[in-house]
Amino acid sequence: MEQNRVMRQQIEEELNEVETKPSRRIRVRLLPIWLRLLIVIGLIFIAALSGALLGYSVIGGGHALDVFQKSTWTHIIDIVNKDA
């Protein structure tokens, strides 16, 4: 009888110890950080290209694919540096 009471006390103490310890939740990342950075850089690149295409064709009134020609960018740079 005494052994049962001692064992019951030990079990209750162990349960109390387990309950009082803060449970740390391990976070599993679906995408590694380096892949997230590559995705963000890729999205920035795509946004810049699409912005240049839309800006040059819709706002500027030119052909969309002309934005990739070197002469277009030298003309833009000449306009920007004209006052300098």
PDB file of N, CA and C in Angstrom:
ATOM      1  N   MET A   1       0.814  -1.180   0.000  1.00  0.00           N
ATOM      2  CA  MET A   1       0.000   0.000   0.000  1.00  0.00           C
ATOM      3  C   MET A   1       0.873   1.265   0.000  1.00  0.00           C
ATOM      4  N   GLU A   2       1.887   1.231   0.837  1.00  0.00           N
ATOM      5  CA  GLU A   2       2.818   2.368   0.935  1.00  0.00           C
ATOM      6  C   GLU A   2       3.563   2.560  -0.384  1.00  0.00           C
ATOM      7  N   GLN A   3       3.931   1.449  -1.038  1.00  0.00           N
ATOM      8  CA  GLN A   3       4.633   1.539  -2.317  1.00  0.00           C
ATOM      9  C   GLN A   3       3.737   2.187  -3.377  1.00  0.00           C
ATOM     10  N   ASN A   4       2.476   1.839  -3.397  1.00  0.00           N
ATOM     11  CA  ASN A   4       1.552   2.430  -4.372  1.00  0.00           C
ATOM     12  C   ASN A   4       1.439   3.935  -4.174  1.00  0.00           C
ATOM     13  N   ARG A   5       1.377   4.366  -2.912  1.00  0.00           N
ATOM     14  CA  ARG A   5       1.264   5.784  -2.623  1.00  0.00           C
ATOM     15  C   ARG A   5       2.531   6.527  -3.051  1.00  0.00           C
ATOM     16  N   VAL A   6       3.699   5.939  -2.813  1.00  0.00           N
ATOM     17  CA  VAL A   6       4.970   6.554  -3.200  1.00  0.00           C
ATOM     18  C   VAL A   6       5.073   6.616  -4.720  1.00  0.00           C
ATOM     19  N   MET A   7       4.706   5.554  -5.385  1.00  0.00           N
ATOM     20  CA  MET A   7       4.756   5.539  -6.857  1.00  0.00           C
ATOM     21  C   MET A   7       3.771   6.545  -7.438  1.00  0.00           C
ATOM     22  N   ARG A   8       2.617   6.667  -6.842  1.00  0.00           N
ATOM     23  CA  ARG A   8       1.618   7.620  -7.311  1.00  0.00           C
ATOM     24  C   ARG A   8       2.142   9.049  -7.144  1.00  0.00           C
ATOM     25  N   GLN A   9       2.816   9.327  -6.048  1.00  0.00           N
ATOM     26  CA  GLN A   9       3.395  10.644  -5.823  1.00  0.00           C
ATOM     27  C   GLN A   9       4.485  10.952  -6.844  1.00  0.00           C
ATOM     28  N   GLN A  10       5.309   9.952  -7.154  1.00  0.00           N
ATOM     29  CA  GLN A  10       6.372  10.143  -8.134  1.00  0.00           C
ATOM     30  C   GLN A  10       5.776  10.435  -9.509  1.00  0.00           C
ATOM     31  N   ILE A  11       4.738   9.686  -9.856  1.00  0.00           N
ATOM     32  CA  ILE A  11       4.106   9.904 -11.157  1.00  0.00           C
ATOM     33  C   ILE A  11       3.482  11.292 -11.213  1.00  0.00           C
ATOM     34  N   GLU A  12       2.820  11.712 -10.148  1.00  0.00           N
ATOM     35  CA  GLU A  12       2.215  13.038 -10.117  1.00  0.00           C
ATOM     36  C   GLU A  12       3.272  14.135 -10.209  1.00  0.00           C
ATOM     37  N   GLU A  13       4.414  13.941  -9.556  1.00  0.00           N
ATOM     38  CA  GLU A  13       5.499  14.923  -9.631  1.00  0.00           C
ATOM     39  C   GLU A  13       6.053  15.019 -11.045  1.00  0.00           C
ATOM     40  N   GLU A  14       6.210  13.871 -11.696  1.00  0.00           N
ATOM     41  CA  GLU A  14       6.709  13.874 -13.067  1.00  0.00           C
ATOM     42  C   GLU A  14       5.718  14.566 -13.994  1.00  0.00           C
ATOM     43  N   LEU A  15       4.439  14.304 -13.790  1.00  0.00           N
ATOM     44  CA  LEU A  15       3.430  14.967 -14.609  1.00  0.00           C
ATOM     45  C   LEU A  15       3.430  16.471 -14.376  1.00  0.00           C
ATOM     46  N   ASN A  16       3.608  16.892 -13.143  1.00  0.00           N
ATOM     47  CA  ASN A  16       3.667  18.317 -12.844  1.00  0.00           C
ATOM     48  C   ASN A  16       4.880  18.970 -13.490  1.00  0.00           C
ATOM     49  N   GLU A  17       6.009  18.275 -13.511  1.00  0.00           N
ATOM     50  CA  GLU A  17       7.207  18.803 -14.152  1.00  0.00           C
ATOM     51  C   GLU A  17       6.993  18.967 -15.646  1.00  0.00           C
ATOM     52  N   VAL A  18       6.356  17.977 -16.250  1.00  0.00           N
ATOM     53  CA  VAL A  18       6.108  18.043 -17.687  1.00  0.00           C
ATOM     54  C   VAL A  18       5.138  19.179 -17.992  1.00  0.00           C
ATOM     55  N   GLU A  19       4.126  19.371 -17.160  1.00  0.00           N
ATOM     56  CA  GLU A  19       3.143  20.415 -17.400  1.00  0.00           C
ATOM     57  C   GLU A  19       3.709  21.809 -17.180  1.00  0.00           C
ATOM     58  N   THR A  20       4.644  21.971 -16.277  1.00  0.00           N
ATOM     59  CA  THR A  20       5.174  23.295 -15.984  1.00  0.00           C
ATOM     60  C   THR A  20       6.219  23.744 -16.994  1.00  0.00           C
ATOM     61  N   LYS A  21       6.863  22.845 -17.698  1.00  0.00           N
ATOM     62  CA  LYS A  21       7.854  23.228 -18.691  1.00  0.00           C
ATOM     63  C   LYS A  21       7.129  23.835 -19.899  1.00  0.00           C
ATOM     64  N   PRO A  22       7.606  24.965 -20.375  1.00  0.00           N
ATOM     65  CA  PRO A  22       6.966  25.550 -21.559  1.00  0.00           C
ATOM     66  C   PRO A  22       7.277  24.690 -22.784  1.00  0.00           C
ATOM     67  N   SER A  23       6.254  24.377 -23.509  1.00  0.00           N
ATOM     68  CA  SER A  23       6.458  23.538 -24.685  1.00  0.00           C
ATOM     69  C   SER A  23       6.963  24.410 -25.825  1.00  0.00           C
ATOM     70  N   ARG A  24       8.079  24.030 -26.382  1.00  0.00           N
ATOM     71  CA  ARG A  24       8.652  24.745 -27.519  1.00  0.00           C
ATOM     72  C   ARG A  24       8.160  24.087 -28.784  1.00  0.00           C
ATOM     73  N   ARG A  25       7.600  24.882 -29.635  1.00  0.00           N
ATOM     74  CA  ARG A  25       7.081  24.380 -30.891  1.00  0.00           C
ATOM     75  C   ARG A  25       8.146  24.528 -31.961  1.00  0.00           C
ATOM     76  N   ILE A  26       8.472  23.469 -32.602  1.00  0.00           N
ATOM     77  CA  ILE A  26       9.487  23.498 -33.646  1.00  0.00           C
ATOM     78  C   ILE A  26       8.816  23.890 -34.949  1.00  0.00           C
ATOM     79  N   ARG A  27       9.355  24.941 -35.580  1.00  0.00           N
ATOM     80  CA  ARG A  27       8.778  25.426 -36.822  1.00  0.00           C
ATOM     81  C   ARG A  27       9.528  24.822 -38.001  1.00  0.00           C
ATOM     82  N   VAL A  28       8.791  24.212 -38.877  1.00  0.00           N
ATOM     83  CA  VAL A  28       9.377  23.630 -40.079  1.00  0.00           C
ATOM     84  C   VAL A  28       9.068  24.577 -41.231  1.00  0.00           C
ATOM     85  N   ARG A  29      10.112  25.075 -41.859  1.00  0.00           N
ATOM     86  CA  ARG A  29       9.922  25.998 -42.971  1.00  0.00           C
ATOM     87  C   ARG A  29       9.671  25.219 -44.247  1.00  0.00           C
ATOM     88  N   LEU A  30       8.629  25.621 -44.956  1.00  0.00           N
ATOM     89  CA  LEU A  30       8.327  24.970 -46.221  1.00  0.00           C
ATOM     90  C   LEU A  30       9.315  25.384 -47.303  1.00  0.00           C
ATOM     91  N   LEU A  31       9.699  26.664 -47.277  1.00  0.00           N
ATOM     92  CA  LEU A  31      10.675  27.172 -48.242  1.00  0.00           C
ATOM     93  C   LEU A  31      11.874  27.710 -47.477  1.00  0.00           C
ATOM     94  N   PRO A  32      13.065  27.278 -47.833  1.00  0.00           N
ATOM     95  CA  PRO A  32      14.255  27.807 -47.154  1.00  0.00           C
ATOM     96  C   PRO A  32      14.418  29.300 -47.432  1.00  0.00           C
ATOM     97  N   ILE A  33      15.189  29.959 -46.592  1.00  0.00           N
ATOM     98  CA  ILE A  33      15.354  31.411 -46.707  1.00  0.00           C
ATOM     99  C   ILE A  33      16.011  31.789 -48.027  1.00  0.00           C
ATOM    100  N   TRP A  34      16.995  31.020 -48.468  1.00  0.00           N
ATOM    101  CA  TRP A  34      17.671  31.353 -49.724  1.00  0.00           C
ATOM    102  C   TRP A  34      16.707  31.267 -50.898  1.00  0.00           C
ATOM    103  N   LEU A  35      15.752  30.325 -50.849  1.00  0.00           N
ATOM    104  CA  LEU A  35      14.777  30.211 -51.924  1.00  0.00           C
ATOM    105  C   LEU A  35      13.786  31.375 -51.868  1.00  0.00           C
ATOM    106  N   ARG A  36      13.436  31.804 -50.667  1.00  0.00           N
ATOM    107  CA  ARG A  36      12.562  32.972 -50.532  1.00  0.00           C
ATOM    108  C   ARG A  36      13.228  34.211 -51.122  1.00  0.00           C
ATOM    109  N   LEU A  37      14.509  34.379 -50.855  1.00  0.00           N
ATOM    110  CA  LEU A  37      15.230  35.529 -51.404  1.00  0.00           C
ATOM    111  C   LEU A  37      15.265  35.484 -52.927  1.00  0.00           C
ATOM    112  N   LEU A  38      15.504  34.312 -53.493  1.00  0.00           N
ATOM    113  CA  LEU A  38      15.509  34.179 -54.949  1.00  0.00           C
ATOM    114  C   LEU A  38      14.136  34.494 -55.536  1.00  0.00           C
ATOM    115  N   ILE A  39      13.092  34.056 -54.865  1.00  0.00           N
ATOM    116  CA  ILE A  39      11.741  34.328 -55.353  1.00  0.00           C
ATOM    117  C   ILE A  39      11.456  35.827 -55.310  1.00  0.00           C
ATOM    118  N   VAL A  40      11.845  36.488 -54.227  1.00  0.00           N
ATOM    119  CA  VAL A  40      11.618  37.934 -54.115  1.00  0.00           C
ATOM    120  C   VAL A  40      12.410  38.695 -55.173  1.00  0.00           C
ATOM    121  N   ILE A  41      13.663  38.312 -55.382  1.00  0.00           N
ATOM    122  CA  ILE A  41      14.481  38.972 -56.411  1.00  0.00           C
ATOM    123  C   ILE A  41      13.874  38.748 -57.792  1.00  0.00           C
ATOM    124  N   GLY A  42      13.406  37.534 -58.054  1.00  0.00           N
ATOM    125  CA  GLY A  42      12.751  37.245 -59.330  1.00  0.00           C
ATOM    126  C   GLY A  42      11.483  38.052 -59.522  1.00  0.00           C
ATOM    127  N   LEU A  43      10.693  38.191 -58.469  1.00  0.00           N
ATOM    128  CA  LEU A  43       9.465  38.975 -58.576  1.00  0.00           C
ATOM    129  C   LEU A  43       9.764  40.459 -58.803  1.00  0.00           C
ATOM    130  N   ILE A  44      10.825  40.964 -58.180  1.00  0.00           N
ATOM    131  CA  ILE A  44      11.221  42.352 -58.405  1.00  0.00           C
ATOM    132  C   ILE A  44      11.656  42.552 -59.855  1.00  0.00           C
ATOM    133  N   PHE A  45      12.396  41.603 -60.372  1.00  0.00           N
ATOM    134  CA  PHE A  45      12.855  41.670 -61.762  1.00  0.00           C
ATOM    135  C   PHE A  45      11.669  41.641 -62.723  1.00  0.00           C
ATOM    136  N   ILE A  46      10.717  40.747 -62.480  1.00  0.00           N
ATOM    137  CA  ILE A  46       9.524  40.655 -63.330  1.00  0.00           C
ATOM    138  C   ILE A  46       8.699  41.931 -63.239  1.00  0.00           C
ATOM    139  N   ALA A  47       8.575  42.498 -62.043  1.00  0.00           N
ATOM    140  CA  ALA A  47       7.818  43.740 -61.875  1.00  0.00           C
ATOM    141  C   ALA A  47       8.487  44.897 -62.617  1.00  0.00           C
ATOM    142  N   ALA A  48       9.814  44.949 -62.589  1.00  0.00           N
ATOM    143  CA  ALA A  48      10.530  46.016 -63.295  1.00  0.00           C
ATOM    144  C   ALA A  48      10.348  45.889 -64.803  1.00  0.00           C
ATOM    145  N   LEU A  49      10.449  44.661 -65.300  1.00  0.00           N
ATOM    146  CA  LEU A  49      10.268  44.460 -66.747  1.00  0.00           C
ATOM    147  C   LEU A  49       8.848  44.774 -67.187  1.00  0.00           C
ATOM    148  N   SER A  50       7.883  44.290 -66.434  1.00  0.00           N
ATOM    149  CA  SER A  50       6.492  44.557 -66.828  1.00  0.00           C
ATOM    150  C   SER A  50       6.161  46.044 -66.688  1.00  0.00           C
ATOM    151  N   GLY A  51       6.721  46.703 -65.691  1.00  0.00           N
ATOM    152  CA  GLY A  51       6.516  48.143 -65.551  1.00  0.00           C
ATOM    153  C   GLY A  51       7.121  48.919 -66.707  1.00  0.00           C
ATOM    154  N   ALA A  52       8.302  48.494 -67.156  1.00  0.00           N
ATOM    155  CA  ALA A  52       8.927  49.153 -68.303  1.00  0.00           C
ATOM    156  C   ALA A  52       8.112  48.916 -69.567  1.00  0.00           C
ATOM    157  N   LEU A  53       7.625  47.700 -69.739  1.00  0.00           N
ATOM    158  CA  LEU A  53       6.806  47.395 -70.918  1.00  0.00           C
ATOM    159  C   LEU A  53       5.521  48.209 -70.927  1.00  0.00           C
ATOM    160  N   LEU A  54       4.812  48.203 -69.813  1.00  0.00           N
ATOM    161  CA  LEU A  54       3.550  48.941 -69.752  1.00  0.00           C
ATOM    162  C   LEU A  54       3.781  50.449 -69.825  1.00  0.00           C
ATOM    163  N   GLY A  55       4.778  50.930 -69.142  1.00  0.00           N
ATOM    164  CA  GLY A  55       5.053  52.365 -69.163  1.00  0.00           C
ATOM    165  C   GLY A  55       5.441  52.866 -70.532  1.00  0.00           C
ATOM    166  N   TYR A  56       6.263  52.113 -71.221  1.00  0.00           N
ATOM    167  CA  TYR A  56       6.722  52.556 -72.547  1.00  0.00           C
ATOM    168  C   TYR A  56       5.618  52.419 -73.584  1.00  0.00           C
ATOM    169  N   SER A  57       4.823  51.363 -73.493  1.00  0.00           N
ATOM    170  CA  SER A  57       3.803  51.152 -74.522  1.00  0.00           C
ATOM    171  C   SER A  57       2.525  51.936 -74.244  1.00  0.00           C
ATOM    172  N   VAL A  58       2.049  51.945 -72.990  1.00  0.00           N
ATOM    173  CA  VAL A  58       0.776  52.597 -72.694  1.00  0.00           C
ATOM    174  C   VAL A  58       0.969  54.098 -72.475  1.00  0.00           C
ATOM    175  N   ILE A  59       1.867  54.453 -71.563  1.00  0.00           N
ATOM    176  CA  ILE A  59       2.064  55.872 -71.251  1.00  0.00           C
ATOM    177  C   ILE A  59       2.875  56.563 -72.353  1.00  0.00           C
ATOM    178  N   GLY A  60       3.911  55.896 -72.826  1.00  0.00           N
ATOM    179  CA  GLY A  60       4.786  56.507 -73.823  1.00  0.00           C
ATOM    180  C   GLY A  60       4.273  56.416 -75.230  1.00  0.00           C
ATOM    181  N   GLY A  61       3.359  55.512 -75.511  1.00  0.00           N
ATOM    182  CA  GLY A  61       2.798  55.397 -76.848  1.00  0.00           C
ATOM    183  C   GLY A  61       3.693  54.662 -77.833  1.00  0.00           C
ATOM    184  N   GLY A  62       4.735  53.998 -77.379  1.00  0.00           N
ATOM    185  CA  GLY A  62       5.613  53.261 -78.275  1.00  0.00           C
ATOM    186  C   GLY A  62       5.232  51.794 -78.344  1.00  0.00           C
ATOM    187  N   HIS A  63       6.002  51.044 -79.099  1.00  0.00           N
ATOM    188  CA  HIS A  63       5.790  49.597 -79.176  1.00  0.00           C
ATOM    189  C   HIS A  63       6.388  48.946 -77.928  1.00  0.00           C
ATOM    190  N   ALA A  64       5.709  47.940 -77.419  1.00  0.00           N
ATOM    191  CA  ALA A  64       6.091  47.351 -76.131  1.00  0.00           C
ATOM    192  C   ALA A  64       7.499  46.753 -76.164  1.00  0.00           C
ATOM    193  N   LEU A  65       7.858  46.078 -77.227  1.00  0.00           N
ATOM    194  CA  LEU A  65       9.150  45.403 -77.272  1.00  0.00           C
ATOM    195  C   LEU A  65      10.310  46.344 -77.604  1.00  0.00           C
ATOM    196  N   ASP A  66       9.986  47.581 -77.985  1.00  0.00           N
ATOM    197  CA  ASP A  66      11.057  48.550 -78.251  1.00  0.00           C
ATOM    198  C   ASP A  66      11.774  48.972 -76.982  1.00  0.00           C
ATOM    199  N   VAL A  67      11.186  48.678 -75.830  1.00  0.00           N
ATOM    200  CA  VAL A  67      11.800  49.066 -74.561  1.00  0.00           C
ATOM    201  C   VAL A  67      13.092  48.288 -74.321  1.00  0.00           C
ATOM    202  N   PHE A  68      13.273  47.169 -74.986  1.00  0.00           N
ATOM    203  CA  PHE A  68      14.471  46.351 -74.785  1.00  0.00           C
ATOM    204  C   PHE A  68      15.616  46.714 -75.737  1.00  0.00           C
ATOM    205  N   GLN A  69      15.415  47.679 -76.602  1.00  0.00           N
ATOM    206  CA  GLN A  69      16.476  48.066 -77.528  1.00  0.00           C
ATOM    207  C   GLN A  69      17.421  49.059 -76.849  1.00  0.00           C
ATOM    208  N   LYS A  70      18.683  48.969 -77.219  1.00  0.00           N
ATOM    209  CA  LYS A  70      19.698  49.840 -76.611  1.00  0.00           C
ATOM    210  C   LYS A  70      19.477  51.299 -76.996  1.00  0.00           C
ATOM    211  N   SER A  71      19.021  51.534 -78.192  1.00  0.00           N
ATOM    212  CA  SER A  71      18.814  52.912 -78.641  1.00  0.00           C
ATOM    213  C   SER A  71      17.735  53.619 -77.819  1.00  0.00           C
ATOM    214  N   THR A  72      16.757  52.881 -77.368  1.00  0.00           N
ATOM    215  CA  THR A  72      15.712  53.465 -76.525  1.00  0.00           C
ATOM    216  C   THR A  72      16.304  53.963 -75.219  1.00  0.00           C
ATOM    217  N   TRP A  73      17.143  53.157 -74.598  1.00  0.00           N
ATOM    218  CA  TRP A  73      17.708  53.526 -73.301  1.00  0.00           C
ATOM    219  C   TRP A  73      18.750  54.631 -73.439  1.00  0.00           C
ATOM    220  N   THR A  74      19.509  54.661 -74.529  1.00  0.00           N
ATOM    221  CA  THR A  74      20.445  55.777 -74.718  1.00  0.00           C
ATOM    222  C   THR A  74      19.678  57.074 -74.935  1.00  0.00           C
ATOM    223  N   HIS A  75      18.540  57.000 -75.623  1.00  0.00           N
ATOM    224  CA  HIS A  75      17.704  58.188 -75.813  1.00  0.00           C
ATOM    225  C   HIS A  75      17.147  58.673 -74.471  1.00  0.00           C
ATOM    226  N   ILE A  76      16.690  57.739 -73.631  1.00  0.00           N
ATOM    227  CA  ILE A  76      16.153  58.096 -72.313  1.00  0.00           C
ATOM    228  C   ILE A  76      17.246  58.721 -71.453  1.00  0.00           C
ATOM    229  N   ILE A  77      18.429  58.139 -71.471  1.00  0.00           N
ATOM    230  CA  ILE A  77      19.552  58.670 -70.681  1.00  0.00           C
ATOM    231  C   ILE A  77      19.957  60.050 -71.185  1.00  0.00           C
ATOM    232  N   ASP A  78      19.938  60.242 -72.504  1.00  0.00           N
ATOM    233  CA  ASP A  78      20.249  61.564 -73.059  1.00  0.00           C
ATOM    234  C   ASP A  78      19.243  62.618 -72.605  1.00  0.00           C
ATOM    235  N   ILE A  79      17.967  62.245 -72.544  1.00  0.00           N
ATOM    236  CA  ILE A  79      16.933  63.185 -72.107  1.00  0.00           C
ATOM    237  C   ILE A  79      17.145  63.537 -70.625  1.00  0.00           C
ATOM    238  N   VAL A  80      17.458  62.530 -69.813  1.00  0.00           N
ATOM    239  CA  VAL A  80      17.646  62.762 -68.366  1.00  0.00           C
ATOM    240  C   VAL A  80      18.879  63.617 -68.119  1.00  0.00           C
ATOM    241  N   ASN A  81      19.959  63.371 -68.840  1.00  0.00           N
ATOM    242  CA  ASN A  81      21.223  64.099 -68.620  1.00  0.00           C
ATOM    243  C   ASN A  81      21.316  65.385 -69.436  1.00  0.00           C
ATOM    244  N   LYS A  82      20.258  65.798 -70.113  1.00  0.00           N
ATOM    245  CA  LYS A  82      20.286  66.963 -70.960  1.00  0.00           C
ATOM    246  C   LYS A  82      20.565  68.245 -70.175  1.00  0.00           C
ATOM    247  N   ASP A  83      19.990  68.355 -68.992  1.00  0.00           N
ATOM    248  CA  ASP A  83      20.187  69.571 -68.198  1.00  0.00           C
ATOM    249  C   ASP A  83      21.502  69.562 -67.419  1.00  0.00           C
ATOM    250  N   ALA A  84      22.114  68.428 -67.279  1.00  0.00           N
ATOM    251  CA  ALA A  84      23.322  68.335 -66.449  1.00  0.00           C
ATOM    252  C   ALA A  84      24.547  68.826 -67.134  1.00  0.00           C
TER     253      ALA A  84
END
